Amino acid sequence: MSDERPVAPPTPPALAGTPNAERYVLEADAMRRRQLRSALLHGSRRTWREHPRTWPAVVIGIVAAAVVVAALAVAQALDKTVENQEKQQRSQAVVELVRPA
């Protein structure tokens, strides 16, 4: 067993020569500044961890919009195809009426 005393944790140089009461005031001020900076960065909530993550909702919204746009494009293409087929059938019927077999 050694006769050495436990070593106190190192104190920051700014607080090294200050009495305990002043040290507590300075630490409280530093903590208040950290809290204010956190509130400024993360809004009115206490911490950033409490914020809901919005990017999954954004991705889902973009995917849903893409699916709707794709469905509308397919429906329009199908309507156009049906319309073109009807025009071809009408033109063939007109050609058959003009040139009897």
N, C-alpha and C. Protein backbone atom coordinates (compact mmCIF):
# COMPACT_ATOMS: atom_id res chain seq x y z
N MET A 1 0.83 -1.17 0.00
CA MET A 1 0.00 0.00 0.00
C MET A 1 0.88 1.24 0.00
N SER A 2 0.52 2.15 -0.85
CA SER A 2 1.31 3.37 -0.93
C SER A 2 0.69 4.44 -0.06
N ASP A 3 1.51 5.40 0.33
CA ASP A 3 1.05 6.49 1.18
C ASP A 3 0.63 7.71 0.37
N GLU A 4 0.45 7.55 -0.92
CA GLU A 4 0.08 8.67 -1.77
C GLU A 4 -1.40 9.00 -1.61
N ARG A 5 -1.68 10.27 -1.60
CA ARG A 5 -3.07 10.71 -1.55
C ARG A 5 -3.68 10.64 -2.95
N PRO A 6 -5.02 10.48 -3.05
CA PRO A 6 -5.63 10.51 -4.38
C PRO A 6 -5.49 11.91 -4.97
N VAL A 7 -5.25 11.93 -6.24
CA VAL A 7 -5.05 13.19 -6.94
C VAL A 7 -6.40 13.74 -7.39
N ALA A 8 -6.63 15.02 -7.13
CA ALA A 8 -7.88 15.67 -7.55
C ALA A 8 -7.87 15.82 -9.07
N PRO A 9 -9.05 15.76 -9.69
CA PRO A 9 -9.09 15.92 -11.14
C PRO A 9 -8.58 17.31 -11.52
N PRO A 10 -7.95 17.41 -12.66
CA PRO A 10 -7.41 18.72 -13.06
C PRO A 10 -8.53 19.71 -13.31
N THR A 11 -8.31 20.93 -12.88
CA THR A 11 -9.30 21.99 -13.09
C THR A 11 -8.87 22.83 -14.28
N PRO A 12 -9.83 23.36 -15.00
CA PRO A 12 -9.49 24.21 -16.13
C PRO A 12 -8.67 25.41 -15.66
N PRO A 13 -7.79 25.92 -16.49
CA PRO A 13 -6.94 27.04 -16.08
C PRO A 13 -7.74 28.27 -15.66
N ALA A 14 -8.89 28.49 -16.23
CA ALA A 14 -9.67 29.68 -15.88
C ALA A 14 -10.21 29.58 -14.46
N LEU A 15 -10.45 28.36 -13.98
CA LEU A 15 -11.03 28.18 -12.66
C LEU A 15 -10.00 27.78 -11.62
N ALA A 16 -8.74 27.71 -11.95
CA ALA A 16 -7.73 27.17 -11.05
C ALA A 16 -7.57 28.02 -9.80
N GLY A 17 -7.59 29.33 -9.89
CA GLY A 17 -7.34 30.17 -8.73
C GLY A 17 -8.59 30.77 -8.12
N THR A 18 -9.76 30.27 -8.43
CA THR A 18 -11.00 30.88 -7.93
C THR A 18 -11.51 30.10 -6.73
N PRO A 19 -12.14 30.79 -5.78
CA PRO A 19 -12.75 30.10 -4.64
C PRO A 19 -13.95 29.28 -5.09
N ASN A 20 -14.41 28.40 -4.21
CA ASN A 20 -15.50 27.49 -4.56
C ASN A 20 -16.77 28.23 -4.97
N ALA A 21 -17.15 29.27 -4.26
CA ALA A 21 -18.39 29.98 -4.57
C ALA A 21 -18.33 30.58 -5.97
N GLU A 22 -17.22 31.18 -6.31
CA GLU A 22 -17.08 31.75 -7.65
C GLU A 22 -17.03 30.65 -8.70
N ARG A 23 -16.40 29.55 -8.37
CA ARG A 23 -16.30 28.44 -9.31
C ARG A 23 -17.70 27.92 -9.64
N TYR A 24 -18.56 27.79 -8.62
CA TYR A 24 -19.92 27.32 -8.87
C TYR A 24 -20.69 28.31 -9.73
N VAL A 25 -20.49 29.60 -9.49
CA VAL A 25 -21.17 30.61 -10.30
C VAL A 25 -20.70 30.52 -11.75
N LEU A 26 -19.39 30.37 -11.95
CA LEU A 26 -18.87 30.28 -13.32
C LEU A 26 -19.34 29.00 -14.01
N GLU A 27 -19.37 27.89 -13.27
CA GLU A 27 -19.86 26.64 -13.87
C GLU A 27 -21.34 26.74 -14.21
N ALA A 28 -22.12 27.39 -13.33
CA ALA A 28 -23.55 27.57 -13.61
C ALA A 28 -23.74 28.45 -14.84
N ASP A 29 -22.92 29.48 -14.97
CA ASP A 29 -23.02 30.35 -16.14
C ASP A 29 -22.66 29.59 -17.42
N ALA A 30 -21.62 28.76 -17.34
CA ALA A 30 -21.23 27.97 -18.51
C ALA A 30 -22.34 26.99 -18.89
N MET A 31 -22.97 26.37 -17.87
CA MET A 31 -24.06 25.44 -18.16
C MET A 31 -25.24 26.19 -18.79
N ARG A 32 -25.55 27.38 -18.27
CA ARG A 32 -26.64 28.18 -18.83
C ARG A 32 -26.35 28.55 -20.28
N ARG A 33 -25.11 28.90 -20.57
CA ARG A 33 -24.74 29.22 -21.96
C ARG A 33 -24.91 28.00 -22.87
N ARG A 34 -24.51 26.83 -22.37
CA ARG A 34 -24.69 25.60 -23.17
C ARG A 34 -26.16 25.34 -23.43
N GLN A 35 -27.00 25.54 -22.40
CA GLN A 35 -28.44 25.31 -22.57
C GLN A 35 -29.03 26.30 -23.57
N LEU A 36 -28.61 27.55 -23.49
CA LEU A 36 -29.12 28.55 -24.44
C LEU A 36 -28.67 28.24 -25.86
N ARG A 37 -27.41 27.83 -26.01
CA ARG A 37 -26.91 27.47 -27.35
C ARG A 37 -27.69 26.27 -27.89
N SER A 38 -27.95 25.29 -27.02
CA SER A 38 -28.71 24.12 -27.45
C SER A 38 -30.13 24.51 -27.85
N ALA A 39 -30.75 25.41 -27.07
CA ALA A 39 -32.10 25.86 -27.41
C ALA A 39 -32.10 26.62 -28.73
N LEU A 40 -31.06 27.42 -28.97
CA LEU A 40 -30.98 28.17 -30.22
C LEU A 40 -30.80 27.23 -31.41
N LEU A 41 -29.96 26.22 -31.23
CA LEU A 41 -29.69 25.30 -32.33
C LEU A 41 -30.84 24.34 -32.59
N HIS A 42 -31.53 23.92 -31.53
CA HIS A 42 -32.51 22.85 -31.67
C HIS A 42 -33.94 23.30 -31.42
N GLY A 43 -34.19 24.57 -31.32
CA GLY A 43 -35.56 25.04 -31.18
C GLY A 43 -36.01 25.08 -29.73
N SER A 44 -37.31 25.11 -29.54
CA SER A 44 -37.85 25.27 -28.20
C SER A 44 -37.82 23.98 -27.39
N ARG A 45 -37.53 22.88 -28.02
CA ARG A 45 -37.47 21.62 -27.28
C ARG A 45 -36.19 21.54 -26.48
N ARG A 46 -36.17 20.61 -25.54
CA ARG A 46 -35.02 20.53 -24.64
C ARG A 46 -33.76 20.06 -25.36
N THR A 47 -33.87 19.02 -26.15
CA THR A 47 -32.68 18.49 -26.83
C THR A 47 -33.04 18.13 -28.25
N TRP A 48 -32.04 17.90 -29.07
CA TRP A 48 -32.27 17.53 -30.45
C TRP A 48 -32.83 16.13 -30.56
N ARG A 49 -32.64 15.30 -29.54
CA ARG A 49 -33.12 13.92 -29.61
C ARG A 49 -34.64 13.84 -29.59
N GLU A 50 -35.30 14.86 -29.07
CA GLU A 50 -36.75 14.84 -28.98
C GLU A 50 -37.42 15.25 -30.29
N HIS A 51 -36.67 15.79 -31.22
CA HIS A 51 -37.27 16.21 -32.49
C HIS A 51 -37.65 14.99 -33.31
N PRO A 52 -38.84 14.98 -33.88
CA PRO A 52 -39.20 13.87 -34.77
C PRO A 52 -38.38 13.94 -36.05
N ARG A 53 -38.04 12.83 -36.54
CA ARG A 53 -37.25 12.80 -37.78
C ARG A 53 -38.20 12.97 -38.95
N THR A 54 -37.96 13.98 -39.74
CA THR A 54 -38.89 14.30 -40.83
C THR A 54 -38.48 13.68 -42.15
N TRP A 55 -37.23 13.26 -42.29
CA TRP A 55 -36.80 12.76 -43.60
C TRP A 55 -37.54 11.50 -44.02
N PRO A 56 -37.93 10.56 -43.12
CA PRO A 56 -38.71 9.42 -43.62
C PRO A 56 -40.05 9.85 -44.22
N ALA A 57 -40.70 10.82 -43.60
CA ALA A 57 -41.97 11.31 -44.13
C ALA A 57 -41.77 11.99 -45.48
N VAL A 58 -40.69 12.71 -45.63
CA VAL A 58 -40.40 13.37 -46.91
C VAL A 58 -40.17 12.34 -48.00
N VAL A 59 -39.39 11.30 -47.69
CA VAL A 59 -39.12 10.25 -48.67
C VAL A 59 -40.41 9.54 -49.05
N ILE A 60 -41.24 9.22 -48.08
CA ILE A 60 -42.51 8.54 -48.36
C ILE A 60 -43.40 9.44 -49.22
N GLY A 61 -43.43 10.73 -48.93
CA GLY A 61 -44.23 11.66 -49.73
C GLY A 61 -43.75 11.74 -51.17
N ILE A 62 -42.43 11.78 -51.35
CA ILE A 62 -41.88 11.84 -52.71
C ILE A 62 -42.20 10.55 -53.47
N VAL A 63 -42.06 9.41 -52.80
CA VAL A 63 -42.37 8.13 -53.45
C VAL A 63 -43.85 8.07 -53.81
N ALA A 64 -44.72 8.51 -52.91
CA ALA A 64 -46.16 8.49 -53.20
C ALA A 64 -46.49 9.40 -54.38
N ALA A 65 -45.88 10.57 -54.42
CA ALA A 65 -46.12 11.48 -55.54
C ALA A 65 -45.63 10.88 -56.85
N ALA A 66 -44.47 10.20 -56.81
CA ALA A 66 -43.95 9.56 -58.02
C ALA A 66 -44.87 8.45 -58.50
N VAL A 67 -45.43 7.69 -57.57
CA VAL A 67 -46.36 6.61 -57.94
C VAL A 67 -47.62 7.20 -58.58
N VAL A 68 -48.14 8.28 -58.02
CA VAL A 68 -49.34 8.91 -58.58
C VAL A 68 -49.06 9.45 -59.99
N VAL A 69 -47.92 10.11 -60.16
CA VAL A 69 -47.56 10.65 -61.48
C VAL A 69 -47.38 9.51 -62.48
N ALA A 70 -46.74 8.42 -62.07
CA ALA A 70 -46.55 7.28 -62.97
C ALA A 70 -47.89 6.66 -63.34
N ALA A 71 -48.79 6.53 -62.37
CA ALA A 71 -50.11 5.97 -62.66
C ALA A 71 -50.88 6.85 -63.65
N LEU A 72 -50.80 8.16 -63.47
CA LEU A 72 -51.48 9.06 -64.41
C LEU A 72 -50.87 8.96 -65.81
N ALA A 73 -49.56 8.84 -65.89
CA ALA A 73 -48.90 8.72 -67.20
C ALA A 73 -49.31 7.42 -67.89
N VAL A 74 -49.38 6.32 -67.14
CA VAL A 74 -49.79 5.04 -67.73
C VAL A 74 -51.24 5.11 -68.18
N ALA A 75 -52.11 5.71 -67.38
CA ALA A 75 -53.52 5.82 -67.76
C ALA A 75 -53.67 6.68 -69.02
N GLN A 76 -52.93 7.76 -69.11
CA GLN A 76 -53.00 8.61 -70.30
C GLN A 76 -52.47 7.88 -71.53
N ALA A 77 -51.39 7.13 -71.38
CA ALA A 77 -50.84 6.37 -72.50
C ALA A 77 -51.82 5.30 -72.95
N LEU A 78 -52.49 4.66 -72.01
CA LEU A 78 -53.48 3.63 -72.36
C LEU A 78 -54.65 4.26 -73.12
N ASP A 79 -55.13 5.41 -72.65
CA ASP A 79 -56.22 6.09 -73.36
C ASP A 79 -55.79 6.48 -74.77
N LYS A 80 -54.57 6.96 -74.92
CA LYS A 80 -54.07 7.35 -76.24
C LYS A 80 -53.98 6.13 -77.15
N THR A 81 -53.54 4.99 -76.61
CA THR A 81 -53.43 3.77 -77.41
C THR A 81 -54.81 3.31 -77.88
N VAL A 82 -55.77 3.33 -76.98
CA VAL A 82 -57.14 2.93 -77.34
C VAL A 82 -57.69 3.88 -78.39
N GLU A 83 -57.45 5.16 -78.24
CA GLU A 83 -57.92 6.15 -79.21
C GLU A 83 -57.29 5.92 -80.59
N ASN A 84 -55.99 5.63 -80.61
CA ASN A 84 -55.31 5.36 -81.89
C ASN A 84 -55.84 4.09 -82.55
N GLN A 85 -56.13 3.07 -81.75
CA GLN A 85 -56.68 1.82 -82.31
C GLN A 85 -58.07 2.07 -82.91
N GLU A 86 -58.87 2.89 -82.22
CA GLU A 86 -60.20 3.20 -82.76
C GLU A 86 -60.09 3.98 -84.07
N LYS A 87 -59.14 4.91 -84.15
CA LYS A 87 -58.93 5.67 -85.39
C LYS A 87 -58.52 4.73 -86.52
N GLN A 88 -57.64 3.78 -86.24
CA GLN A 88 -57.21 2.83 -87.27
C GLN A 88 -58.38 1.97 -87.73
N GLN A 89 -59.22 1.54 -86.80
CA GLN A 89 -60.38 0.73 -87.18
C GLN A 89 -61.34 1.55 -88.03
N ARG A 90 -61.56 2.82 -87.69
CA ARG A 90 -62.44 3.68 -88.48
C ARG A 90 -61.87 3.91 -89.87
N SER A 91 -60.55 4.16 -89.93
CA SER A 91 -59.95 4.39 -91.26
C SER A 91 -60.01 3.13 -92.11
N GLN A 92 -59.85 1.95 -91.51
CA GLN A 92 -59.96 0.70 -92.27
C GLN A 92 -61.40 0.50 -92.74
N ALA A 93 -62.38 0.86 -91.91
CA ALA A 93 -63.78 0.73 -92.31
C ALA A 93 -64.10 1.68 -93.46
N VAL A 94 -63.55 2.88 -93.43
CA VAL A 94 -63.77 3.84 -94.51
C VAL A 94 -63.12 3.35 -95.78
N VAL A 95 -61.92 2.78 -95.69
CA VAL A 95 -61.23 2.26 -96.87
C VAL A 95 -62.03 1.10 -97.46
N GLU A 96 -62.60 0.26 -96.64
CA GLU A 96 -63.39 -0.88 -97.14
C GLU A 96 -64.67 -0.38 -97.81
N LEU A 97 -65.26 0.71 -97.29
CA LEU A 97 -66.46 1.25 -97.92
C LEU A 97 -66.13 1.89 -99.26
N VAL A 98 -64.98 2.53 -99.35
CA VAL A 98 -64.59 3.19 -100.59
C VAL A 98 -64.23 2.14 -101.64
N ARG A 99 -63.49 1.13 -101.26
CA ARG A 99 -63.10 0.07 -102.20
C ARG A 99 -63.86 -1.21 -101.84
N PRO A 100 -64.95 -1.45 -102.44
CA PRO A 100 -65.65 -2.71 -102.13
C PRO A 100 -64.86 -3.90 -102.66
N ALA A 101 -64.95 -4.98 -101.94
CA ALA A 101 -64.19 -6.16 -102.31
C ALA A 101 -64.78 -6.89 -103.47
